[in-house]
Amino acid sequence: MKKYIILFTSALIVLSGCKRDFNEPNPNALTIANFWKSSSDATKGINAVYSTFYRTASLYSRWLFYHGILKSDEGFGSGGDGGLNNLMRFNQTNYNDGLTAQTWANLYVGVFRANQVIANVPGITMDESTKKRIIAEAKFLRALFYFNLTLYYGRPPLMLQPSQPTDAPPNATTEQAYAQVAKDLTEAAVDLPVSYPASDLGRATRGAAYALLGKTYLQQRKYQDALNAFAYLVTGAGNGTYSLTADYRDNFIISRENNSESVFEIQFSENQSESTDDDVDESRINNTGTSISQFFAPPGVGFSDGAARRWVVDEFLQERTTTNAQDPRLAASFIFNNANPAGPTATIVYGQTFQSRYGNGPDANGVWFRKLLNDHWKNQEGFRSPNNYRLIRYADVLLMYAECLNGLNRTGEAYPYVDRVRQRAGLAPLSTAKPGLNQAQFLTQLKHERVTELAGEGWRWADLLRWGDLSPALASRDAEFTGFIVGKHEYYPIPQLDIDLNSNLTQNPKY
């Protein structure tokens, strides 16, 4: 079964809204104190943490793709959403802006829910192995929420116990926040299973914990620690669990979800009767799909609020396959006039040719991200896409493993892992095409390899930040970076409302 999420009771998130004396307990209301009694409660609790992924548009339903893709140099705000466009231009004046403040707030909803599981499940009488696994899942998810909080906001306060109204935690440093992420993942990996039966596909696995742990260390350029974490999947006990799919496109279509290359993916499902994105509104039916496809799809199909820069296409055209064909990852990654090398009259966009849709009009030279779309089975988009998001793929792990080896000045050992990714795409091995690269040259090449393999998957901002490449110099290929200020725009501002409510919080530099 693909979609396992069962929504948790709203009693854990909000109090009853009836008019009464709030100092007098409501005997009919389910409370946190009397909820955590059975193994069923524990399961509902951990499912609620997963449900946070698509709670409102602010996380993996939509906005985390804005933060990771459009804010980077590979994408931009291309539609009529002025707030989004200004944010992508590094022109944010309202620090309670919905796109950043709500992402922050809902990441903390996830932290809150995970904390509830971690604090309360240990006291439940139930099967001990299941108990350990559920607590480990909660630690993995808390780590993922804090990874995003650290990546995009830099200095999030650490809340590791169920929150109370009087809590006023200070900012953590970036190093402290990543250290907590690493601690959670290290502890989680011990009790997470290698795999699950079909009924539980999508839950956190041991490989997912080690992969995210490696990302956490790599983001800090702690190459040896990252290498050790990735080794579980590449050369260690988990190296037989994952493999590259034969067809690259299989990683982005609904019929090949949770495949051999998937290390962790966000599970979505289409619910035609949904009536809300608020997963604590039990009076209505929750949307368990993602709306990103409606906002990323090109004009005439979707809103085209986000699109790709043309330079990314050119990256794929630097090399041809060993059979002298276009890199197949290009057409799998983007919709544009020559996605089919035969041109716009042969390139199909949701059942019509590119030429018939856009002709010589203003969109004739447009490029749109394809990986999160549904054009492989639909001729239109909507707000409840069931297409899973592959958050971490094995190809990503292989490239990061190579980056670690290169960072440790073991460049010669790094080649085979890049070769595996390239050869799946039909390209010549890098060890044949560009042998003998030094450390700096190999990193430059690896930056190219990550674009051609991972474009439009949400990791570009993290890559640029890690490499120290964020600067106005990127304006040569993305005009929005003209407004980028070094020492400021690497991170979003902390919502002003939180600072107003918590005197121990301070704003990020230069905001």
Protein backbone atom coordinates (compact mmCIF):
# COMPACT_ATOMS: atom_id res chain seq x y z
CA MET A 1 0.00 0.00 0.00
CA LYS A 2 1.38 3.37 -1.04
CA LYS A 3 -0.31 5.81 1.34
CA TYR A 4 -0.42 4.89 5.01
CA ILE A 5 -1.05 8.17 6.84
CA ILE A 6 -3.93 8.17 9.32
CA LEU A 7 -4.64 11.57 10.78
CA PHE A 8 -4.16 12.19 14.48
CA THR A 9 -6.74 13.77 16.74
CA SER A 10 -6.73 17.54 16.84
CA ALA A 11 -6.65 17.42 20.62
CA LEU A 12 -2.89 17.24 20.43
CA ILE A 13 -2.66 20.46 18.47
CA VAL A 14 -5.51 22.74 19.49
CA LEU A 15 -7.79 23.15 22.47
CA SER A 16 -11.55 22.97 22.32
CA GLY A 17 -13.07 26.17 20.90
CA CYS A 18 -16.36 26.24 22.85
CA LYS A 19 -17.24 29.13 25.17
CA ARG A 20 -16.60 28.12 28.76
CA ASP A 21 -14.41 28.73 31.77
CA PHE A 22 -11.00 27.75 30.43
CA ASN A 23 -9.72 27.11 33.95
CA GLU A 24 -12.27 24.31 34.27
CA PRO A 25 -11.38 21.05 32.49
CA ASN A 26 -13.82 19.89 29.85
CA PRO A 27 -14.61 16.26 30.74
CA ASN A 28 -15.67 15.52 27.16
CA ALA A 29 -12.47 16.73 25.49
CA LEU A 30 -9.63 14.40 24.64
CA THR A 31 -6.39 15.80 26.04
CA ILE A 32 -2.73 15.07 25.66
CA ALA A 33 -2.64 13.69 29.19
CA ASN A 34 -5.28 11.02 28.57
CA PHE A 35 -4.48 10.19 24.95
CA TRP A 36 -1.28 8.18 25.16
CA LYS A 37 -2.60 4.85 26.43
CA SER A 38 -2.24 2.16 23.76
CA SER A 39 -0.17 0.96 20.83
CA SER A 40 -2.93 2.31 18.59
CA ASP A 41 -2.38 5.76 20.11
CA ALA A 42 1.35 5.45 19.43
CA THR A 43 0.66 4.60 15.78
CA LYS A 44 -1.78 7.48 15.39
CA GLY A 45 0.77 9.77 17.00
CA ILE A 46 3.62 8.92 14.65
CA ASN A 47 1.28 9.06 11.65
CA ALA A 48 0.40 12.61 12.65
CA VAL A 49 4.06 13.55 12.45
CA TYR A 50 4.23 12.30 8.86
CA SER A 51 0.99 14.13 8.13
CA THR A 52 2.81 17.41 8.81
CA PHE A 53 4.53 17.00 5.43
CA TYR A 54 1.40 18.14 3.64
CA ARG A 55 -0.15 20.25 6.35
CA THR A 56 -1.03 23.44 4.42
CA ALA A 57 0.99 24.61 1.42
CA SER A 58 3.97 25.64 3.54
CA LEU A 59 5.99 22.40 3.55
CA TYR A 60 6.26 19.56 1.04
CA SER A 61 2.93 20.29 -0.55
CA ARG A 62 4.44 23.38 -2.17
CA TRP A 63 6.62 25.97 -0.47
CA LEU A 64 9.69 23.92 0.41
CA PHE A 65 10.15 23.54 -3.36
CA TYR A 66 10.06 27.31 -3.69
CA HIS A 67 12.78 27.60 -1.04
CA GLY A 68 14.99 24.85 -2.44
CA ILE A 69 14.45 25.31 -6.18
CA LEU A 70 13.10 28.74 -7.13
CA LYS A 71 15.27 30.69 -4.69
CA SER A 72 18.36 29.09 -6.19
CA ASP A 73 19.90 30.01 -9.51
CA GLU A 74 18.11 27.18 -11.35
CA GLY A 75 14.64 28.69 -10.91
CA PHE A 76 12.67 31.89 -10.42
CA GLY A 77 9.21 33.23 -9.67
CA SER A 78 7.67 33.40 -13.12
CA GLY A 79 3.97 33.97 -12.48
CA GLY A 80 1.61 36.48 -10.94
CA ASP A 81 2.37 35.83 -7.28
CA GLY A 82 4.01 39.11 -6.30
CA GLY A 83 4.97 37.97 -2.82
CA LEU A 84 6.70 34.88 -4.17
CA ASN A 85 8.46 36.86 -6.89
CA ASN A 86 9.77 39.44 -4.43
CA LEU A 87 11.01 36.73 -2.09
CA MET A 88 12.86 35.01 -4.93
CA ARG A 89 14.44 38.38 -5.77
CA PHE A 90 15.73 38.68 -2.19
CA ASN A 91 13.38 41.58 -1.65
CA GLN A 92 11.60 40.65 1.57
CA THR A 93 10.41 43.49 3.78
CA ASN A 94 7.71 41.78 5.87
CA TYR A 95 9.37 39.36 8.27
CA ASN A 96 6.03 37.78 9.01
CA ASP A 97 5.70 37.04 5.29
CA GLY A 98 3.56 33.98 4.71
CA LEU A 99 6.06 32.07 2.61
CA THR A 100 8.78 32.11 5.24
CA ALA A 101 6.89 32.59 8.50
CA GLN A 102 4.40 29.83 7.77
CA THR A 103 7.09 27.40 6.69
CA TRP A 104 8.88 28.13 9.98
CA ALA A 105 5.65 27.72 11.96
CA ASN A 106 4.66 24.43 10.37
CA LEU A 107 8.13 22.95 10.68
CA TYR A 108 7.69 23.61 14.39
CA VAL A 109 4.28 21.92 14.26
CA GLY A 110 6.19 18.88 13.06
CA VAL A 111 8.73 19.28 15.85
CA PHE A 112 5.90 19.57 18.38
CA ARG A 113 4.24 16.41 17.13
CA ALA A 114 7.52 14.49 17.10
CA ASN A 115 8.27 15.67 20.63
CA GLN A 116 4.90 14.32 21.76
CA VAL A 117 5.76 10.88 20.42
CA ILE A 118 9.28 10.88 21.86
CA ALA A 119 8.03 11.98 25.30
CA ASN A 120 4.89 9.88 25.61
CA VAL A 121 5.33 6.61 23.72
CA PRO A 122 8.00 5.27 26.15
CA GLY A 123 5.33 5.07 28.87
CA ILE A 124 2.89 2.98 26.82
CA THR A 125 2.68 -0.75 27.49
CA MET A 126 3.11 -2.30 24.04
CA ASP A 127 5.42 -4.43 21.94
CA GLU A 128 8.92 -3.17 22.72
CA SER A 129 10.33 -3.50 19.21
CA THR A 130 7.41 -1.55 17.76
CA LYS A 131 7.79 1.05 20.49
CA LYS A 132 11.48 1.52 19.68
CA ARG A 133 10.74 1.80 15.98
CA ILE A 134 8.04 4.45 16.48
CA ILE A 135 10.31 6.53 18.71
CA ALA A 136 13.08 6.19 16.14
CA GLU A 137 10.72 7.34 13.38
CA ALA A 138 9.86 10.40 15.47
CA LYS A 139 13.53 11.21 15.96
CA PHE A 140 14.15 10.88 12.22
CA LEU A 141 11.26 13.21 11.46
CA ARG A 142 12.27 15.72 14.12
CA ALA A 143 15.73 15.68 12.59
CA LEU A 144 14.29 16.34 9.12
CA PHE A 145 12.24 19.28 10.40
CA TYR A 146 15.27 20.74 12.16
CA PHE A 147 17.45 20.10 9.13
CA ASN A 148 15.12 22.34 7.12
CA LEU A 149 14.90 24.92 9.89
CA THR A 150 18.70 25.09 10.03
CA LEU A 151 19.19 25.06 6.27
CA TYR A 152 16.78 27.94 5.65
CA TYR A 153 16.84 29.96 8.88
CA GLY A 154 20.31 29.25 10.26
CA ARG A 155 19.67 29.65 13.99
CA PRO A 156 16.46 27.93 15.07
CA PRO A 157 15.68 27.55 18.76
CA LEU A 158 15.87 23.93 19.87
CA MET A 159 12.69 22.59 21.45
CA LEU A 160 13.21 18.96 22.46
CA GLN A 161 10.35 18.47 24.90
CA PRO A 162 6.60 18.98 24.46
CA SER A 163 6.24 22.75 24.39
CA GLN A 164 4.57 24.81 27.09
CA PRO A 165 3.07 28.33 26.83
CA THR A 166 5.88 29.75 28.97
CA ASP A 167 8.71 28.33 26.87
CA ALA A 168 11.14 30.96 25.56
CA PRO A 169 14.10 29.12 24.06
CA PRO A 170 17.01 31.14 22.64
CA ASN A 171 18.43 30.73 19.16
CA ALA A 172 20.70 27.78 18.73
CA THR A 173 23.81 28.35 16.68
CA THR A 174 23.88 26.67 13.29
CA GLU A 175 26.45 24.24 14.65
CA GLN A 176 24.29 23.39 17.68
CA ALA A 177 21.22 22.85 15.53
CA TYR A 178 23.01 20.53 13.12
CA ALA A 179 24.54 18.70 16.09
CA GLN A 180 21.04 17.97 17.39
CA VAL A 181 19.96 16.77 13.96
CA ALA A 182 22.95 14.42 13.88
CA LYS A 183 22.19 13.18 17.41
CA ASP A 184 18.59 12.36 16.55
CA LEU A 185 19.58 10.55 13.36
CA THR A 186 22.36 8.58 15.01
CA GLU A 187 19.97 7.39 17.70
CA ALA A 188 17.18 6.70 15.22
CA ALA A 189 19.30 4.59 12.88
CA VAL A 190 19.82 1.92 15.55
CA ASP A 191 16.11 1.12 15.88
CA LEU A 192 14.83 1.78 12.38
CA PRO A 193 14.28 -1.24 10.11
CA VAL A 194 16.06 -1.75 6.82
CA SER A 195 12.70 -2.00 5.04
CA TYR A 196 8.96 -2.32 5.61
CA PRO A 197 6.15 -4.49 4.27
CA ALA A 198 4.02 -2.98 1.54
CA SER A 199 1.44 -1.75 4.04
CA ASP A 200 3.99 0.59 5.63
CA LEU A 201 5.99 1.81 2.64
CA GLY A 202 7.16 5.38 3.14
CA ARG A 203 8.12 5.16 6.78
CA ALA A 204 11.65 6.14 7.76
CA THR A 205 14.25 3.40 7.33
CA ARG A 206 17.75 2.90 8.60
CA GLY A 207 19.12 3.87 5.19
CA ALA A 208 17.10 7.10 5.21
CA ALA A 209 18.53 7.98 8.63
CA TYR A 210 22.10 7.40 7.50
CA ALA A 211 21.52 9.31 4.25
CA LEU A 212 20.12 12.36 6.05
CA LEU A 213 22.90 12.08 8.64
CA GLY A 214 25.42 12.20 5.79
CA LYS A 215 23.67 15.25 4.33
CA THR A 216 23.81 16.92 7.73
CA TYR A 217 27.55 16.41 8.06
CA LEU A 218 28.25 17.24 4.41
CA GLN A 219 26.34 20.51 4.69
CA GLN A 220 28.95 21.47 7.30
CA ARG A 221 31.76 20.10 5.13
CA LYS A 222 32.56 17.46 7.75
CA TYR A 223 33.68 15.09 5.03
CA GLN A 224 34.87 12.15 7.13
CA ASP A 225 31.75 12.08 9.28
CA ALA A 226 29.57 12.35 6.18
CA LEU A 227 31.53 9.62 4.42
CA ASN A 228 31.07 7.32 7.40
CA ALA A 229 27.31 7.88 7.35
CA PHE A 230 26.93 7.41 3.59
CA ALA A 231 29.09 4.29 3.75
CA TYR A 232 26.16 2.37 5.22
CA LEU A 233 24.33 2.72 1.90
CA VAL A 234 27.33 2.55 -0.44
CA THR A 235 29.88 0.09 0.91
CA GLY A 236 28.43 -1.08 4.23
CA ALA A 237 25.58 -3.22 5.50
CA GLY A 238 22.96 -1.40 3.45
CA ASN A 239 24.77 -1.44 0.12
CA GLY A 240 22.55 -4.20 -1.27
CA THR A 241 19.34 -2.43 -0.32
CA TYR A 242 19.51 0.35 -2.92
CA SER A 243 20.35 0.49 -6.62
CA LEU A 244 19.91 2.89 -9.51
CA THR A 245 16.84 2.24 -11.60
CA ALA A 246 17.56 1.32 -15.21
CA ASP A 247 15.35 4.16 -16.43
CA TYR A 248 16.06 7.57 -14.88
CA ARG A 249 12.48 8.71 -15.53
CA ASP A 250 11.16 5.98 -13.22
CA ASN A 251 12.08 8.18 -10.27
CA PHE A 252 9.42 10.76 -11.11
CA ILE A 253 6.31 8.86 -12.20
CA ILE A 254 3.51 7.51 -10.05
CA SER A 255 3.76 3.93 -11.34
CA ARG A 256 7.34 3.53 -10.04
CA GLU A 257 7.13 5.03 -6.57
CA ASN A 258 9.13 3.55 -3.67
CA ASN A 259 11.50 1.83 -6.10
CA SER A 260 15.03 0.54 -5.56
CA GLU A 261 16.54 4.02 -5.87
CA SER A 262 14.23 5.61 -3.32
CA VAL A 263 15.93 6.20 0.03
CA PHE A 264 13.13 8.35 1.40
CA GLU A 265 10.12 9.83 -0.29
CA ILE A 266 7.12 11.86 0.80
CA GLN A 267 3.92 9.88 0.27
CA PHE A 268 1.01 11.64 -1.42
CA SER A 269 -2.42 10.44 -2.46
CA GLU A 270 -5.28 11.94 -4.44
CA ASN A 271 -8.45 12.46 -2.44
CA GLN A 272 -11.18 13.77 -4.73
CA SER A 273 -13.48 14.57 -1.81
CA GLU A 274 -10.95 16.66 0.13
CA SER A 275 -12.10 20.00 1.46
CA THR A 276 -9.19 21.35 3.53
CA ASP A 277 -5.41 21.50 3.82
CA ASP A 278 -5.69 21.75 7.61
CA ASP A 279 -5.04 18.28 8.99
CA VAL A 280 -6.44 19.12 12.42
CA ASP A 281 -9.86 20.13 11.12
CA GLU A 282 -11.71 16.89 11.80
CA SER A 283 -14.98 18.30 10.51
CA ARG A 284 -13.63 18.25 6.96
CA ILE A 285 -11.67 15.89 4.68
CA ASN A 286 -7.95 16.53 4.46
CA ASN A 287 -6.05 16.96 1.21
CA THR A 288 -3.37 14.26 1.23
CA GLY A 289 -2.00 15.30 -2.16
CA THR A 290 0.46 17.97 -3.17
CA SER A 291 -0.38 21.17 -5.01
CA ILE A 292 3.10 21.87 -6.40
CA SER A 293 2.26 20.50 -9.82
CA GLN A 294 -0.52 23.07 -10.29
CA PHE A 295 1.93 25.87 -9.53
CA PHE A 296 4.90 24.49 -11.51
CA ALA A 297 3.00 23.38 -14.61
CA PRO A 298 3.40 25.60 -17.70
CA PRO A 299 0.76 28.11 -18.87
CA GLY A 300 -2.39 26.59 -20.23
CA VAL A 301 -2.10 23.69 -17.81
CA GLY A 302 -1.09 25.24 -14.48
CA PHE A 303 -0.27 28.60 -12.96
CA SER A 304 3.42 28.68 -13.94
CA ASP A 305 4.29 30.46 -10.70
CA GLY A 306 7.76 28.92 -10.87
CA ALA A 307 9.95 28.16 -13.87
CA ALA A 308 13.52 27.18 -14.69
CA ARG A 309 16.38 29.27 -15.99
CA ARG A 310 17.56 28.48 -19.51
CA TRP A 311 21.19 28.02 -18.48
CA VAL A 312 20.27 24.75 -16.80
CA VAL A 313 19.26 23.29 -20.16
CA ASP A 314 22.65 24.24 -21.55
CA GLU A 315 24.37 22.20 -18.82
CA PHE A 316 22.82 19.03 -20.27
CA LEU A 317 23.91 19.92 -23.79
CA GLN A 318 27.62 19.94 -22.92
CA GLU A 319 27.87 16.20 -23.53
CA ARG A 320 26.11 13.59 -25.60
CA THR A 321 25.65 9.96 -24.77
CA THR A 322 27.95 7.20 -26.02
CA THR A 323 25.42 6.64 -28.83
CA ASN A 324 25.51 10.35 -29.76
CA ALA A 325 22.06 11.07 -28.34
CA GLN A 326 20.83 13.87 -26.10
CA ASP A 327 21.23 13.21 -22.39
CA PRO A 328 17.88 11.54 -21.54
CA ARG A 329 17.77 13.30 -18.17
CA LEU A 330 17.11 16.61 -19.93
CA ALA A 331 13.67 15.66 -21.25
CA ALA A 332 12.90 13.87 -17.98
CA SER A 333 13.71 17.02 -16.01
CA PHE A 334 12.23 19.88 -18.06
CA ILE A 335 9.48 20.92 -20.42
CA PHE A 336 10.83 23.28 -23.09
CA ASN A 337 10.71 23.76 -26.84
CA ASN A 338 13.37 21.19 -27.70
CA ALA A 339 12.80 18.59 -24.99
CA ASN A 340 12.36 16.36 -28.00
CA PRO A 341 15.46 17.12 -30.10
CA ALA A 342 13.22 17.20 -33.18
CA GLY A 343 11.93 20.53 -31.95
CA PRO A 344 8.69 22.21 -30.80
CA THR A 345 6.50 20.42 -33.32
CA ALA A 346 7.59 17.07 -31.82
CA THR A 347 7.81 18.07 -28.15
CA ILE A 348 4.58 17.14 -26.37
CA VAL A 349 3.21 19.28 -23.53
CA TYR A 350 0.21 17.68 -21.84
CA GLY A 351 -1.19 16.14 -25.00
CA GLN A 352 -0.37 19.00 -27.38
CA THR A 353 2.78 19.96 -29.23
CA PHE A 354 4.87 22.75 -27.80
CA GLN A 355 4.40 24.63 -31.07
CA SER A 356 0.61 24.45 -30.93
CA ARG A 357 0.55 25.62 -27.31
CA TYR A 358 3.10 28.41 -27.42
CA GLY A 359 4.04 29.09 -31.04
CA ASN A 360 6.25 32.17 -31.20
CA GLY A 361 4.57 33.83 -28.22
CA PRO A 362 6.04 35.02 -24.91
CA ASP A 363 6.37 31.45 -23.59
CA ALA A 364 8.16 30.07 -26.66
CA ASN A 365 11.51 30.12 -24.88
CA GLY A 366 10.17 29.07 -21.48
CA VAL A 367 11.51 26.18 -19.40
CA TRP A 368 9.49 24.41 -16.71
CA PHE A 369 10.48 21.85 -14.10
CA ARG A 370 8.96 18.48 -15.00
CA LYS A 371 9.88 16.06 -12.19
CA LEU A 372 7.03 17.03 -9.87
CA LEU A 373 4.39 17.09 -12.61
CA ASN A 374 1.83 14.55 -13.83
CA ASP A 375 2.08 14.88 -17.60
CA HIS A 376 2.97 11.19 -17.84
CA TRP A 377 -0.65 10.26 -17.07
CA LYS A 378 -2.79 13.41 -17.19
CA ASN A 379 -3.45 16.27 -19.60
CA GLN A 380 -4.15 18.73 -16.80
CA GLU A 381 -2.99 19.46 -13.26
CA GLY A 382 -4.79 20.20 -10.01
CA PHE A 383 -4.33 20.80 -6.30
CA ARG A 384 -4.18 17.19 -5.10
CA SER A 385 -1.39 15.47 -7.01
CA PRO A 386 -0.65 11.89 -5.85
CA ASN A 387 2.87 11.88 -7.29
CA ASN A 388 5.32 11.16 -4.48
CA TYR A 389 8.32 13.40 -3.89
CA ARG A 390 11.59 11.47 -3.83
CA LEU A 391 13.33 13.45 -1.13
CA ILE A 392 16.53 11.39 -1.14
CA ARG A 393 17.57 9.19 -4.06
CA TYR A 394 20.46 6.74 -4.18
CA ALA A 395 22.00 8.68 -7.07
CA ASP A 396 22.21 11.70 -4.78
CA VAL A 397 23.93 9.54 -2.15
CA LEU A 398 26.50 8.31 -4.69
CA LEU A 399 27.34 11.86 -5.77
CA MET A 400 27.61 13.02 -2.17
CA TYR A 401 29.83 10.05 -1.35
CA ALA A 402 32.11 11.11 -4.20
CA GLU A 403 32.08 14.69 -2.89
CA CYS A 404 33.21 13.45 0.52
CA LEU A 405 36.07 11.44 -0.94
CA ASN A 406 37.16 14.41 -2.99
CA GLY A 407 36.90 16.68 0.05
CA LEU A 408 39.27 14.30 1.84
CA ASN A 409 41.71 14.59 -1.09
CA ARG A 410 40.92 11.04 -2.22
CA THR A 411 39.83 12.17 -5.66
CA GLY A 412 40.93 9.06 -7.49
CA GLU A 413 38.65 6.95 -5.28
CA ALA A 414 35.69 9.24 -6.01
CA TYR A 415 35.49 8.57 -9.75
CA PRO A 416 33.63 5.21 -9.66
CA TYR A 417 30.63 6.65 -7.83
CA VAL A 418 30.18 9.45 -10.35
CA ASP A 419 30.68 6.91 -13.13
CA ARG A 420 27.70 4.88 -11.92
CA VAL A 421 25.40 7.91 -12.15
CA ARG A 422 26.72 8.98 -15.54
CA GLN A 423 26.56 5.53 -17.08
CA ARG A 424 22.93 5.11 -16.10
CA ALA A 425 22.28 8.21 -18.24
CA GLY A 426 24.25 6.71 -21.13
CA LEU A 427 27.25 9.02 -20.75
CA ALA A 428 30.84 7.86 -20.89
CA PRO A 429 32.39 7.23 -17.47
CA LEU A 430 34.04 10.33 -16.06
CA SER A 431 37.16 8.23 -15.55
CA THR A 432 37.27 7.94 -19.36
CA ALA A 433 35.95 11.38 -20.32
CA LYS A 434 38.00 13.42 -17.83
CA PRO A 435 40.62 11.30 -16.10
CA GLY A 436 43.19 12.71 -13.69
CA LEU A 437 41.26 15.74 -12.39
CA ASN A 438 42.74 17.35 -9.31
CA GLN A 439 40.65 18.10 -6.23
CA ALA A 440 39.47 21.55 -7.35
CA GLN A 441 38.75 20.40 -10.89
CA PHE A 442 36.81 17.40 -9.67
CA LEU A 443 34.63 19.58 -7.45
CA THR A 444 33.89 21.83 -10.42
CA GLN A 445 32.89 18.78 -12.42
CA LEU A 446 30.83 17.44 -9.56
CA LYS A 447 28.87 20.69 -9.44
CA HIS A 448 27.94 20.05 -13.06
CA GLU A 449 27.04 16.42 -12.33
CA ARG A 450 24.68 17.44 -9.53
CA VAL A 451 22.86 19.86 -11.85
CA THR A 452 22.33 17.26 -14.57
CA GLU A 453 21.26 14.54 -12.14
CA LEU A 454 19.29 16.50 -9.52
CA ALA A 455 17.94 19.68 -11.15
CA GLY A 456 14.44 20.50 -9.95
CA GLU A 457 14.56 18.17 -6.95
CA GLY A 458 14.97 20.75 -4.21
CA TRP A 459 18.66 20.45 -3.32
CA ARG A 460 20.22 23.23 -5.38
CA TRP A 461 20.03 25.89 -2.63
CA ALA A 462 21.69 23.55 -0.13
CA ASP A 463 24.44 22.80 -2.65
CA LEU A 464 25.18 26.46 -3.36
CA LEU A 465 25.21 27.28 0.35
CA ARG A 466 27.55 24.39 1.14
CA TRP A 467 29.97 25.29 -1.64
CA GLY A 468 30.05 28.96 -0.67
CA ASP A 469 28.78 29.91 -4.12
CA LEU A 470 25.91 32.18 -3.08
CA SER A 471 26.76 35.71 -4.19
CA PRO A 472 25.73 38.45 -6.63
CA ALA A 473 28.08 36.78 -9.13
CA LEU A 474 25.28 34.30 -9.85
CA ALA A 475 23.38 37.16 -11.51
CA SER A 476 25.25 36.28 -14.70
CA ARG A 477 22.86 33.34 -15.08
CA ASP A 478 20.03 34.37 -12.72
CA ALA A 479 19.23 38.09 -12.69
CA GLU A 480 17.46 37.79 -9.34
CA PHE A 481 20.83 37.43 -7.62
CA THR A 482 21.54 41.09 -8.35
CA GLY A 483 19.78 41.74 -5.05
CA PHE A 484 21.66 39.10 -3.06
CA ILE A 485 23.56 40.45 -0.03
CA VAL A 486 26.37 38.26 1.28
CA GLY A 487 26.03 37.68 5.01
CA LYS A 488 22.27 38.23 4.90
CA HIS A 489 20.41 36.30 2.26
CA GLU A 490 21.97 32.92 2.93
CA TYR A 491 19.15 32.57 5.48
CA TYR A 492 15.61 33.80 5.82
CA PRO A 493 14.67 36.19 8.62
CA ILE A 494 13.23 34.68 11.76
CA PRO A 495 9.55 35.64 11.91
CA GLN A 496 9.19 38.92 13.77
CA LEU A 497 6.10 37.66 15.57
CA ASP A 498 8.18 34.96 17.27
CA ILE A 499 10.78 37.50 18.31
CA ASP A 500 8.05 39.75 19.70
CA LEU A 501 6.71 36.85 21.77
CA ASN A 502 10.09 35.50 22.87
CA SER A 503 12.62 38.02 24.17
CA ASN A 504 15.35 35.37 24.04
CA LEU A 505 15.20 35.19 20.23
CA THR A 506 17.36 37.51 18.10
CA GLN A 507 17.02 38.30 14.43
CA ASN A 508 19.38 36.99 11.78
CA PRO A 509 22.19 39.34 10.65
CA LYS A 510 21.35 42.39 8.53
CA TYR A 511 17.56 41.96 8.76
